ModelCIF file with pLDDT and N, C-alpha, C, O atoms, coordinates in Angstrom:
data_MODEL
#
_entry.id   MODEL 
#
_entity.id                         1 
_entity.type                       polymer 
_entity.pdbx_number_of_molecules   1 
#
_entity_poly.entity_id                      1 
_entity_poly.type                           'polypeptide(L)' 
_entity_poly.nstd_linkage                   no 
_entity_poly.nstd_monomer                   no 
_entity_poly.pdbx_seq_one_letter_code       LGAGYVVYGRKQHALPPFLCGVALIVFPYLVTGGLMTLLLGAAIAVV 
_entity_poly.pdbx_seq_one_letter_code_can   LGAGYVVYGRKQHALPPFLCGVALIVFPYLVTGGLMTLLLGAAIAVV 
_entity_poly.pdbx_strand_id                 A 
#
loop_
_entity_poly_seq.entity_id 
_entity_poly_seq.num 
_entity_poly_seq.mon_id 
_entity_poly_seq.hetero 
1 1  LEU n 
1 2  GLY n 
1 3  ALA n 
1 4  GLY n 
1 5  TYR n 
1 6  VAL n 
1 7  VAL n 
1 8  TYR n 
1 9  GLY n 
1 10 ARG n 
1 11 LYS n 
1 12 GLN n 
1 13 HIS n 
1 14 ALA n 
1 15 LEU n 
1 16 PRO n 
1 17 PRO n 
1 18 PHE n 
1 19 LEU n 
1 20 CYS n 
1 21 GLY n 
1 22 VAL n 
1 23 ALA n 
1 24 LEU n 
1 25 ILE n 
1 26 VAL n 
1 27 PHE n 
1 28 PRO n 
1 29 TYR n 
1 30 LEU n 
1 31 VAL n 
1 32 THR n 
1 33 GLY n 
1 34 GLY n 
1 35 LEU n 
1 36 MET n 
1 37 THR n 
1 38 LEU n 
1 39 LEU n 
1 40 LEU n 
1 41 GLY n 
1 42 ALA n 
1 43 ALA n 
1 44 ILE n 
1 45 ALA n 
1 46 VAL n 
1 47 VAL n 
#
_struct_asym.id          A 
_struct_asym.entity_id   1 
#
loop_
_ma_qa_metric.id 
_ma_qa_metric.mode 
_ma_qa_metric.name 
_ma_qa_metric.software_group_id 
_ma_qa_metric.type 
1 global pLDDT . pLDDT 
2 local  pLDDT . pLDDT 
#
_ma_qa_metric_global.metric_id      1 
_ma_qa_metric_global.metric_value   94.21 
_ma_qa_metric_global.model_id       1 
_ma_qa_metric_global.ordinal_id     1 
#
loop_
_ma_qa_metric_local.label_asym_id 
_ma_qa_metric_local.label_comp_id 
_ma_qa_metric_local.label_seq_id 
_ma_qa_metric_local.metric_id 
_ma_qa_metric_local.metric_value 
_ma_qa_metric_local.model_id 
_ma_qa_metric_local.ordinal_id 
A LEU 1  2 97.00 1 1  
A GLY 2  2 97.00 1 2  
A ALA 3  2 97.00 1 3  
A GLY 4  2 97.00 1 4  
A TYR 5  2 97.00 1 5  
A VAL 6  2 97.00 1 6  
A VAL 7  2 97.00 1 7  
A TYR 8  2 96.00 1 8  
A GLY 9  2 96.00 1 9  
A ARG 10 2 96.00 1 10 
A LYS 11 2 97.00 1 11 
A GLN 12 2 94.00 1 12 
A HIS 13 2 94.00 1 13 
A ALA 14 2 93.00 1 14 
A LEU 15 2 94.00 1 15 
A PRO 16 2 94.00 1 16 
A PRO 17 2 95.00 1 17 
A PHE 18 2 97.00 1 18 
A LEU 19 2 96.00 1 19 
A CYS 20 2 96.00 1 20 
A GLY 21 2 97.00 1 21 
A VAL 22 2 97.00 1 22 
A ALA 23 2 97.00 1 23 
A LEU 24 2 96.00 1 24 
A ILE 25 2 96.00 1 25 
A VAL 26 2 95.00 1 26 
A PHE 27 2 94.00 1 27 
A PRO 28 2 90.00 1 28 
A TYR 29 2 90.00 1 29 
A LEU 30 2 91.00 1 30 
A VAL 31 2 89.00 1 31 
A THR 32 2 83.00 1 32 
A GLY 33 2 84.00 1 33 
A GLY 34 2 86.00 1 34 
A LEU 35 2 90.00 1 35 
A MET 36 2 91.00 1 36 
A THR 37 2 92.00 1 37 
A LEU 38 2 94.00 1 38 
A LEU 39 2 94.00 1 39 
A LEU 40 2 95.00 1 40 
A GLY 41 2 95.00 1 41 
A ALA 42 2 96.00 1 42 
A ALA 43 2 96.00 1 43 
A ILE 44 2 96.00 1 44 
A ALA 45 2 96.00 1 45 
A VAL 46 2 96.00 1 46 
A VAL 47 2 95.00 1 47 
#
loop_
_atom_site.group_PDB 
_atom_site.id 
_atom_site.type_symbol 
_atom_site.label_atom_id 
_atom_site.label_alt_id 
_atom_site.label_comp_id 
_atom_site.label_asym_id 
_atom_site.label_entity_id 
_atom_site.label_seq_id 
_atom_site.pdbx_PDB_ins_code 
_atom_site.Cartn_x 
_atom_site.Cartn_y 
_atom_site.Cartn_z 
_atom_site.occupancy 
_atom_site.B_iso_or_equiv 
_atom_site.pdbx_formal_charge 
_atom_site.auth_seq_id 
_atom_site.auth_comp_id 
_atom_site.auth_asym_id 
_atom_site.auth_atom_id 
_atom_site.pdbx_PDB_model_num 
ATOM 1   N N  . LEU A 1 1  ? 105.657 101.083 86.345  1.00 97.00 ? 1  LEU A N  1 
ATOM 2   C CA . LEU A 1 1  ? 106.202 102.439 86.358  1.00 97.00 ? 1  LEU A CA 1 
ATOM 3   C C  . LEU A 1 1  ? 107.242 102.582 87.465  1.00 97.00 ? 1  LEU A C  1 
ATOM 4   O O  . LEU A 1 1  ? 108.282 103.214 87.277  1.00 97.00 ? 1  LEU A O  1 
ATOM 5   N N  . GLY A 1 2  ? 106.953 101.994 88.610  1.00 97.00 ? 2  GLY A N  1 
ATOM 6   C CA . GLY A 1 2  ? 107.904 102.028 89.718  1.00 97.00 ? 2  GLY A CA 1 
ATOM 7   C C  . GLY A 1 2  ? 109.190 101.302 89.384  1.00 97.00 ? 2  GLY A C  1 
ATOM 8   O O  . GLY A 1 2  ? 110.272 101.759 89.751  1.00 97.00 ? 2  GLY A O  1 
ATOM 9   N N  . ALA A 1 3  ? 109.088 100.175 88.694  1.00 97.00 ? 3  ALA A N  1 
ATOM 10  C CA . ALA A 1 3  ? 110.296 99.447  88.293  1.00 97.00 ? 3  ALA A CA 1 
ATOM 11  C C  . ALA A 1 3  ? 111.133 100.297 87.345  1.00 97.00 ? 3  ALA A C  1 
ATOM 12  O O  . ALA A 1 3  ? 112.361 100.287 87.426  1.00 97.00 ? 3  ALA A O  1 
ATOM 13  N N  . GLY A 1 4  ? 110.489 101.023 86.457  1.00 97.00 ? 4  GLY A N  1 
ATOM 14  C CA . GLY A 1 4  ? 111.208 101.929 85.563  1.00 97.00 ? 4  GLY A CA 1 
ATOM 15  C C  . GLY A 1 4  ? 111.902 103.040 86.324  1.00 97.00 ? 4  GLY A C  1 
ATOM 16  O O  . GLY A 1 4  ? 113.040 103.393 86.012  1.00 97.00 ? 4  GLY A O  1 
ATOM 17  N N  . TYR A 1 5  ? 111.225 103.597 87.324  1.00 97.00 ? 5  TYR A N  1 
ATOM 18  C CA . TYR A 1 5  ? 111.840 104.634 88.157  1.00 97.00 ? 5  TYR A CA 1 
ATOM 19  C C  . TYR A 1 5  ? 113.035 104.085 88.931  1.00 97.00 ? 5  TYR A C  1 
ATOM 20  O O  . TYR A 1 5  ? 114.049 104.770 89.064  1.00 97.00 ? 5  TYR A O  1 
ATOM 21  N N  . VAL A 1 6  ? 112.930 102.868 89.439  1.00 97.00 ? 6  VAL A N  1 
ATOM 22  C CA . VAL A 1 6  ? 114.030 102.273 90.193  1.00 97.00 ? 6  VAL A CA 1 
ATOM 23  C C  . VAL A 1 6  ? 115.250 102.085 89.291  1.00 97.00 ? 6  VAL A C  1 
ATOM 24  O O  . VAL A 1 6  ? 116.370 102.411 89.683  1.00 97.00 ? 6  VAL A O  1 
ATOM 25  N N  . VAL A 1 7  ? 115.038 101.568 88.103  1.00 97.00 ? 7  VAL A N  1 
ATOM 26  C CA . VAL A 1 7  ? 116.144 101.362 87.166  1.00 97.00 ? 7  VAL A CA 1 
ATOM 27  C C  . VAL A 1 7  ? 116.773 102.701 86.786  1.00 97.00 ? 7  VAL A C  1 
ATOM 28  O O  . VAL A 1 7  ? 117.997 102.834 86.768  1.00 97.00 ? 7  VAL A O  1 
ATOM 29  N N  . TYR A 1 8  ? 115.942 103.679 86.485  1.00 96.00 ? 8  TYR A N  1 
ATOM 30  C CA . TYR A 1 8  ? 116.458 105.006 86.123  1.00 96.00 ? 8  TYR A CA 1 
ATOM 31  C C  . TYR A 1 8  ? 117.225 105.627 87.287  1.00 96.00 ? 8  TYR A C  1 
ATOM 32  O O  . TYR A 1 8  ? 118.307 106.182 87.096  1.00 96.00 ? 8  TYR A O  1 
ATOM 33  N N  . GLY A 1 9  ? 116.666 105.533 88.489  1.00 96.00 ? 9  GLY A N  1 
ATOM 34  C CA . GLY A 1 9  ? 117.320 106.110 89.654  1.00 96.00 ? 9  GLY A CA 1 
ATOM 35  C C  . GLY A 1 9  ? 118.654 105.465 89.958  1.00 96.00 ? 9  GLY A C  1 
ATOM 36  O O  . GLY A 1 9  ? 119.598 106.144 90.361  1.00 96.00 ? 9  GLY A O  1 
ATOM 37  N N  . ARG A 1 10 ? 118.741 104.156 89.768  1.00 96.00 ? 10 ARG A N  1 
ATOM 38  C CA . ARG A 1 10 ? 120.017 103.462 90.013  1.00 96.00 ? 10 ARG A CA 1 
ATOM 39  C C  . ARG A 1 10 ? 121.060 103.838 88.971  1.00 96.00 ? 10 ARG A C  1 
ATOM 40  O O  . ARG A 1 10 ? 122.222 104.063 89.309  1.00 96.00 ? 10 ARG A O  1 
ATOM 41  N N  . LYS A 1 11 ? 120.657 103.907 87.711  1.00 97.00 ? 11 LYS A N  1 
ATOM 42  C CA . LYS A 1 11 ? 121.622 104.221 86.652  1.00 97.00 ? 11 LYS A CA 1 
ATOM 43  C C  . LYS A 1 11 ? 122.111 105.667 86.724  1.00 97.00 ? 11 LYS A C  1 
ATOM 44  O O  . LYS A 1 11 ? 123.276 105.948 86.443  1.00 97.00 ? 11 LYS A O  1 
ATOM 45  N N  . GLN A 1 12 ? 121.222 106.573 87.097  1.00 94.00 ? 12 GLN A N  1 
ATOM 46  C CA . GLN A 1 12 ? 121.584 107.989 87.162  1.00 94.00 ? 12 GLN A CA 1 
ATOM 47  C C  . GLN A 1 12 ? 122.083 108.407 88.544  1.00 94.00 ? 12 GLN A C  1 
ATOM 48  O O  . GLN A 1 12 ? 122.476 109.558 88.736  1.00 94.00 ? 12 GLN A O  1 
ATOM 49  N N  . HIS A 1 13 ? 122.073 107.497 89.493  1.00 94.00 ? 13 HIS A N  1 
ATOM 50  C CA . HIS A 1 13 ? 122.452 107.792 90.876  1.00 94.00 ? 13 HIS A CA 1 
ATOM 51  C C  . HIS A 1 13 ? 121.625 108.949 91.425  1.00 94.00 ? 13 HIS A C  1 
ATOM 52  O O  . HIS A 1 13 ? 122.144 109.861 92.070  1.00 94.00 ? 13 HIS A O  1 
ATOM 53  N N  . ALA A 1 14 ? 120.314 108.882 91.148  1.00 93.00 ? 14 ALA A N  1 
ATOM 54  C CA . ALA A 1 14 ? 119.384 109.916 91.594  1.00 93.00 ? 14 ALA A CA 1 
ATOM 55  C C  . ALA A 1 14 ? 118.440 109.306 92.634  1.00 93.00 ? 14 ALA A C  1 
ATOM 56  O O  . ALA A 1 14 ? 117.745 108.327 92.363  1.00 93.00 ? 14 ALA A O  1 
ATOM 57  N N  . LEU A 1 15 ? 118.430 109.892 93.802  1.00 94.00 ? 15 LEU A N  1 
ATOM 58  C CA . LEU A 1 15 ? 117.636 109.353 94.898  1.00 94.00 ? 15 LEU A CA 1 
ATOM 59  C C  . LEU A 1 15 ? 116.124 109.560 94.734  1.00 94.00 ? 15 LEU A C  1 
ATOM 60  O O  . LEU A 1 15 ? 115.375 108.625 95.013  1.00 94.00 ? 15 LEU A O  1 
ATOM 61  N N  . PRO A 1 16 ? 115.629 110.732 94.296  1.00 94.00 ? 16 PRO A N  1 
ATOM 62  C CA . PRO A 1 16 ? 114.175 110.905 94.204  1.00 94.00 ? 16 PRO A CA 1 
ATOM 63  C C  . PRO A 1 16 ? 113.470 109.891 93.297  1.00 94.00 ? 16 PRO A C  1 
ATOM 64  O O  . PRO A 1 16 ? 112.467 109.321 93.726  1.00 94.00 ? 16 PRO A O  1 
ATOM 65  N N  . PRO A 1 17 ? 113.935 109.633 92.072  1.00 95.00 ? 17 PRO A N  1 
ATOM 66  C CA . PRO A 1 17 ? 113.242 108.628 91.260  1.00 95.00 ? 17 PRO A CA 1 
ATOM 67  C C  . PRO A 1 17 ? 113.335 107.230 91.859  1.00 95.00 ? 17 PRO A C  1 
ATOM 68  O O  . PRO A 1 17 ? 112.392 106.445 91.761  1.00 95.00 ? 17 PRO A O  1 
ATOM 69  N N  . PHE A 1 18 ? 114.470 106.921 92.476  1.00 97.00 ? 18 PHE A N  1 
ATOM 70  C CA . PHE A 1 18 ? 114.628 105.607 93.086  1.00 97.00 ? 18 PHE A CA 1 
ATOM 71  C C  . PHE A 1 18 ? 113.628 105.404 94.222  1.00 97.00 ? 18 PHE A C  1 
ATOM 72  O O  . PHE A 1 18 ? 112.963 104.370 94.288  1.00 97.00 ? 18 PHE A O  1 
ATOM 73  N N  . LEU A 1 19 ? 113.523 106.384 95.112  1.00 96.00 ? 19 LEU A N  1 
ATOM 74  C CA . LEU A 1 19 ? 112.597 106.263 96.238  1.00 96.00 ? 19 LEU A CA 1 
ATOM 75  C C  . LEU A 1 19 ? 111.144 106.236 95.774  1.00 96.00 ? 19 LEU A C  1 
ATOM 76  O O  . LEU A 1 19 ? 110.337 105.481 96.315  1.00 96.00 ? 19 LEU A O  1 
ATOM 77  N N  . CYS A 1 20 ? 110.809 107.045 94.789  1.00 96.00 ? 20 CYS A N  1 
ATOM 78  C CA . CYS A 1 20 ? 109.442 107.035 94.266  1.00 96.00 ? 20 CYS A CA 1 
ATOM 79  C C  . CYS A 1 20 ? 109.144 105.710 93.574  1.00 96.00 ? 20 CYS A C  1 
ATOM 80  O O  . CYS A 1 20 ? 108.016 105.219 93.633  1.00 96.00 ? 20 CYS A O  1 
ATOM 81  N N  . GLY A 1 21 ? 110.139 105.136 92.926  1.00 97.00 ? 21 GLY A N  1 
ATOM 82  C CA . GLY A 1 21 ? 109.949 103.829 92.307  1.00 97.00 ? 21 GLY A CA 1 
ATOM 83  C C  . GLY A 1 21 ? 109.671 102.753 93.331  1.00 97.00 ? 21 GLY A C  1 
ATOM 84  O O  . GLY A 1 21 ? 108.793 101.915 93.128  1.00 97.00 ? 21 GLY A O  1 
ATOM 85  N N  . VAL A 1 22 ? 110.400 102.764 94.423  1.00 97.00 ? 22 VAL A N  1 
ATOM 86  C CA . VAL A 1 22 ? 110.150 101.796 95.495  1.00 97.00 ? 22 VAL A CA 1 
ATOM 87  C C  . VAL A 1 22 ? 108.755 102.018 96.082  1.00 97.00 ? 22 VAL A C  1 
ATOM 88  O O  . VAL A 1 22 ? 108.034 101.058 96.355  1.00 97.00 ? 22 VAL A O  1 
ATOM 89  N N  . ALA A 1 23 ? 108.383 103.268 96.273  1.00 97.00 ? 23 ALA A N  1 
ATOM 90  C CA . ALA A 1 23 ? 107.050 103.569 96.799  1.00 97.00 ? 23 ALA A CA 1 
ATOM 91  C C  . ALA A 1 23 ? 105.959 103.099 95.842  1.00 97.00 ? 23 ALA A C  1 
ATOM 92  O O  . ALA A 1 23 ? 104.933 102.581 96.285  1.00 97.00 ? 23 ALA A O  1 
ATOM 93  N N  . LEU A 1 24 ? 106.164 103.272 94.532  1.00 96.00 ? 24 LEU A N  1 
ATOM 94  C CA . LEU A 1 24 ? 105.165 102.834 93.557  1.00 96.00 ? 24 LEU A CA 1 
ATOM 95  C C  . LEU A 1 24 ? 105.041 101.315 93.513  1.00 96.00 ? 24 LEU A C  1 
ATOM 96  O O  . LEU A 1 24 ? 103.971 100.788 93.211  1.00 96.00 ? 24 LEU A O  1 
ATOM 97  N N  . ILE A 1 25 ? 106.111 100.622 93.807  1.00 96.00 ? 25 ILE A N  1 
ATOM 98  C CA . ILE A 1 25 ? 106.054 99.161  93.825  1.00 96.00 ? 25 ILE A CA 1 
ATOM 99  C C  . ILE A 1 25 ? 105.353 98.665  95.080  1.00 96.00 ? 25 ILE A C  1 
ATOM 100 O O  . ILE A 1 25 ? 104.609 97.685  95.026  1.00 96.00 ? 25 ILE A O  1 
ATOM 101 N N  . VAL A 1 26 ? 105.580 99.327  96.208  1.00 95.00 ? 26 VAL A N  1 
ATOM 102 C CA . VAL A 1 26 ? 105.074 98.835  97.492  1.00 95.00 ? 26 VAL A CA 1 
ATOM 103 C C  . VAL A 1 26 ? 103.645 99.277  97.799  1.00 95.00 ? 26 VAL A C  1 
ATOM 104 O O  . VAL A 1 26 ? 102.880 98.501  98.371  1.00 95.00 ? 26 VAL A O  1 
ATOM 105 N N  . PHE A 1 27 ? 103.263 100.505 97.434  1.00 94.00 ? 27 PHE A N  1 
ATOM 106 C CA . PHE A 1 27 ? 101.998 101.032 97.913  1.00 94.00 ? 27 PHE A CA 1 
ATOM 107 C C  . PHE A 1 27 ? 100.759 100.255 97.480  1.00 94.00 ? 27 PHE A C  1 
ATOM 108 O O  . PHE A 1 27 ? 99.787  100.255 98.236  1.00 94.00 ? 27 PHE A O  1 
ATOM 109 N N  . PRO A 1 28 ? 100.715 99.587  96.312  1.00 90.00 ? 28 PRO A N  1 
ATOM 110 C CA . PRO A 1 28 ? 99.489  98.844  95.988  1.00 90.00 ? 28 PRO A CA 1 
ATOM 111 C C  . PRO A 1 28 ? 99.179  97.708  96.969  1.00 90.00 ? 28 PRO A C  1 
ATOM 112 O O  . PRO A 1 28 ? 98.030  97.279  97.073  1.00 90.00 ? 28 PRO A O  1 
ATOM 113 N N  . TYR A 1 29 ? 100.179 97.229  97.675  1.00 90.00 ? 29 TYR A N  1 
ATOM 114 C CA . TYR A 1 29 ? 99.925  96.204  98.694  1.00 90.00 ? 29 TYR A CA 1 
ATOM 115 C C  . TYR A 1 29 ? 99.230  96.782  99.909  1.00 90.00 ? 29 TYR A C  1 
ATOM 116 O O  . TYR A 1 29 ? 98.570  96.051  100.648 1.00 90.00 ? 29 TYR A O  1 
ATOM 117 N N  . LEU A 1 30 ? 99.363  98.064  100.126 1.00 91.00 ? 30 LEU A N  1 
ATOM 118 C CA . LEU A 1 30 ? 98.835  98.704  101.326 1.00 91.00 ? 30 LEU A CA 1 
ATOM 119 C C  . LEU A 1 30 ? 97.515  99.423  101.104 1.00 91.00 ? 30 LEU A C  1 
ATOM 120 O O  . LEU A 1 30 ? 96.798  99.696  102.067 1.00 91.00 ? 30 LEU A O  1 
ATOM 121 N N  . VAL A 1 31 ? 97.177  99.735  99.866  1.00 89.00 ? 31 VAL A N  1 
ATOM 122 C CA . VAL A 1 31 ? 95.989  100.518 99.546  1.00 89.00 ? 31 VAL A CA 1 
ATOM 123 C C  . VAL A 1 31 ? 94.963  99.620  98.864  1.00 89.00 ? 31 VAL A C  1 
ATOM 124 O O  . VAL A 1 31 ? 95.299  98.843  97.969  1.00 89.00 ? 31 VAL A O  1 
ATOM 125 N N  . THR A 1 32 ? 93.712  99.735  99.296  1.00 83.00 ? 32 THR A N  1 
ATOM 126 C CA . THR A 1 32 ? 92.642  98.992  98.642  1.00 83.00 ? 32 THR A CA 1 
ATOM 127 C C  . THR A 1 32 ? 91.733  99.976  97.908  1.00 83.00 ? 32 THR A C  1 
ATOM 128 O O  . THR A 1 32 ? 91.557  101.113 98.344  1.00 83.00 ? 32 THR A O  1 
ATOM 129 N N  . GLY A 1 33 ? 91.172  99.538  96.816  1.00 84.00 ? 33 GLY A N  1 
ATOM 130 C CA . GLY A 1 33 ? 90.262  100.375 96.045  1.00 84.00 ? 33 GLY A CA 1 
ATOM 131 C C  . GLY A 1 33 ? 90.945  101.017 94.855  1.00 84.00 ? 33 GLY A C  1 
ATOM 132 O O  . GLY A 1 33 ? 92.083  101.480 94.940  1.00 84.00 ? 33 GLY A O  1 
ATOM 133 N N  . GLY A 1 34 ? 90.234  101.033 93.758  1.00 86.00 ? 34 GLY A N  1 
ATOM 134 C CA . GLY A 1 34 ? 90.786  101.562 92.517  1.00 86.00 ? 34 GLY A CA 1 
ATOM 135 C C  . GLY A 1 34 ? 91.023  103.050 92.543  1.00 86.00 ? 34 GLY A C  1 
ATOM 136 O O  . GLY A 1 34 ? 92.038  103.527 92.036  1.00 86.00 ? 34 GLY A O  1 
ATOM 137 N N  . LEU A 1 35 ? 90.097  103.798 93.131  1.00 90.00 ? 35 LEU A N  1 
ATOM 138 C CA . LEU A 1 35 ? 90.239  105.258 93.141  1.00 90.00 ? 35 LEU A CA 1 
ATOM 139 C C  . LEU A 1 35 ? 91.419  105.693 94.000  1.00 90.00 ? 35 LEU A C  1 
ATOM 140 O O  . LEU A 1 35 ? 92.195  106.559 93.595  1.00 90.00 ? 35 LEU A O  1 
ATOM 141 N N  . MET A 1 36 ? 91.557  105.105 95.170  1.00 91.00 ? 36 MET A N  1 
ATOM 142 C CA . MET A 1 36 ? 92.689  105.456 96.030  1.00 91.00 ? 36 MET A CA 1 
ATOM 143 C C  . MET A 1 36 ? 94.007  105.037 95.393  1.00 91.00 ? 36 MET A C  1 
ATOM 144 O O  . MET A 1 36 ? 95.005  105.748 95.514  1.00 91.00 ? 36 MET A O  1 
ATOM 145 N N  . THR A 1 37 ? 94.022  103.900 94.720  1.00 92.00 ? 37 THR A N  1 
ATOM 146 C CA . THR A 1 37 ? 95.225  103.453 94.027  1.00 92.00 ? 37 THR A CA 1 
ATOM 147 C C  . THR A 1 37 ? 95.602  104.444 92.926  1.00 92.00 ? 37 THR A C  1 
ATOM 148 O O  . THR A 1 37 ? 96.772  104.790 92.765  1.00 92.00 ? 37 THR A O  1 
ATOM 149 N N  . LEU A 1 38 ? 94.620  104.888 92.185  1.00 94.00 ? 38 LEU A N  1 
ATOM 150 C CA . LEU A 1 38 ? 94.865  105.846 91.107  1.00 94.00 ? 38 LEU A CA 1 
ATOM 151 C C  . LEU A 1 38 ? 95.375  107.177 91.642  1.00 94.00 ? 38 LEU A C  1 
ATOM 152 O O  . LEU A 1 38 ? 96.357  107.716 91.131  1.00 94.00 ? 38 LEU A O  1 
ATOM 153 N N  . LEU A 1 39 ? 94.718  107.710 92.663  1.00 94.00 ? 39 LEU A N  1 
ATOM 154 C CA . LEU A 1 39 ? 95.105  109.018 93.187  1.00 94.00 ? 39 LEU A CA 1 
ATOM 155 C C  . LEU A 1 39 ? 96.484  108.987 93.838  1.00 94.00 ? 39 LEU A C  1 
ATOM 156 O O  . LEU A 1 39 ? 97.312  109.860 93.584  1.00 94.00 ? 39 LEU A O  1 
ATOM 157 N N  . LEU A 1 40 ? 96.728  107.992 94.670  1.00 95.00 ? 40 LEU A N  1 
ATOM 158 C CA . LEU A 1 40 ? 98.020  107.918 95.347  1.00 95.00 ? 40 LEU A CA 1 
ATOM 159 C C  . LEU A 1 40 ? 99.147  107.599 94.365  1.00 95.00 ? 40 LEU A C  1 
ATOM 160 O O  . LEU A 1 40 ? 100.237 108.162 94.469  1.00 95.00 ? 40 LEU A O  1 
ATOM 161 N N  . GLY A 1 41 ? 98.892  106.707 93.423  1.00 95.00 ? 41 GLY A N  1 
ATOM 162 C CA . GLY A 1 41 ? 99.904  106.371 92.425  1.00 95.00 ? 41 GLY A CA 1 
ATOM 163 C C  . GLY A 1 41 ? 100.259 107.555 91.542  1.00 95.00 ? 41 GLY A C  1 
ATOM 164 O O  . GLY A 1 41 ? 101.430 107.782 91.238  1.00 95.00 ? 41 GLY A O  1 
ATOM 165 N N  . ALA A 1 42 ? 99.258  108.301 91.135  1.00 96.00 ? 42 ALA A N  1 
ATOM 166 C CA . ALA A 1 42 ? 99.518  109.487 90.307  1.00 96.00 ? 42 ALA A CA 1 
ATOM 167 C C  . ALA A 1 42 ? 100.298 110.532 91.098  1.00 96.00 ? 42 ALA A C  1 
ATOM 168 O O  . ALA A 1 42 ? 101.187 111.187 90.553  1.00 96.00 ? 42 ALA A O  1 
ATOM 169 N N  . ALA A 1 43 ? 99.973  110.692 92.374  1.00 96.00 ? 43 ALA A N  1 
ATOM 170 C CA . ALA A 1 43 ? 100.681 111.662 93.208  1.00 96.00 ? 43 ALA A CA 1 
ATOM 171 C C  . ALA A 1 43 ? 102.151 111.268 93.378  1.00 96.00 ? 43 ALA A C  1 
ATOM 172 O O  . ALA A 1 43 ? 103.039 112.116 93.293  1.00 96.00 ? 43 ALA A O  1 
ATOM 173 N N  . ILE A 1 44 ? 102.397 109.996 93.615  1.00 96.00 ? 44 ILE A N  1 
ATOM 174 C CA . ILE A 1 44 ? 103.786 109.543 93.781  1.00 96.00 ? 44 ILE A CA 1 
ATOM 175 C C  . ILE A 1 44 ? 104.543 109.634 92.458  1.00 96.00 ? 44 ILE A C  1 
ATOM 176 O O  . ILE A 1 44 ? 105.731 109.955 92.441  1.00 96.00 ? 44 ILE A O  1 
ATOM 177 N N  . ALA A 1 45 ? 103.861 109.355 91.357  1.00 96.00 ? 45 ALA A N  1 
ATOM 178 C CA . ALA A 1 45 ? 104.526 109.328 90.051  1.00 96.00 ? 45 ALA A CA 1 
ATOM 179 C C  . ALA A 1 45 ? 105.008 110.706 89.609  1.00 96.00 ? 45 ALA A C  1 
ATOM 180 O O  . ALA A 1 45 ? 105.982 110.797 88.862  1.00 96.00 ? 45 ALA A O  1 
ATOM 181 N N  . VAL A 1 46 ? 104.360 111.773 90.044  1.00 96.00 ? 46 VAL A N  1 
ATOM 182 C CA . VAL A 1 46 ? 104.778 113.114 89.613  1.00 96.00 ? 46 VAL A CA 1 
ATOM 183 C C  . VAL A 1 46 ? 105.790 113.752 90.556  1.00 96.00 ? 46 VAL A C  1 
ATOM 184 O O  . VAL A 1 46 ? 106.316 114.823 90.254  1.00 96.00 ? 46 VAL A O  1 
ATOM 185 N N  . VAL A 1 47 ? 106.072 113.119 91.686  1.00 95.00 ? 47 VAL A N  1 
ATOM 186 C CA . VAL A 1 47 ? 107.017 113.699 92.643  1.00 95.00 ? 47 VAL A CA 1 
ATOM 187 C C  . VAL A 1 47 ? 108.399 113.922 92.029  1.00 95.00 ? 47 VAL A C  1 
ATOM 188 O O  . VAL A 1 47 ? 109.306 114.403 92.709  1.00 95.00 ? 47 VAL A O  1 
#
């Protein structure tokens, strides 16, 4: 989903989807546990 946001943000020259896409790609490396991954990922995805 983050890769899709990055591609969309680059093509549309829109900063919010691009930054959220980068965050969605990076945050699973920093967060452990399925529930926290789900909650944080869903929160970033709707930004």
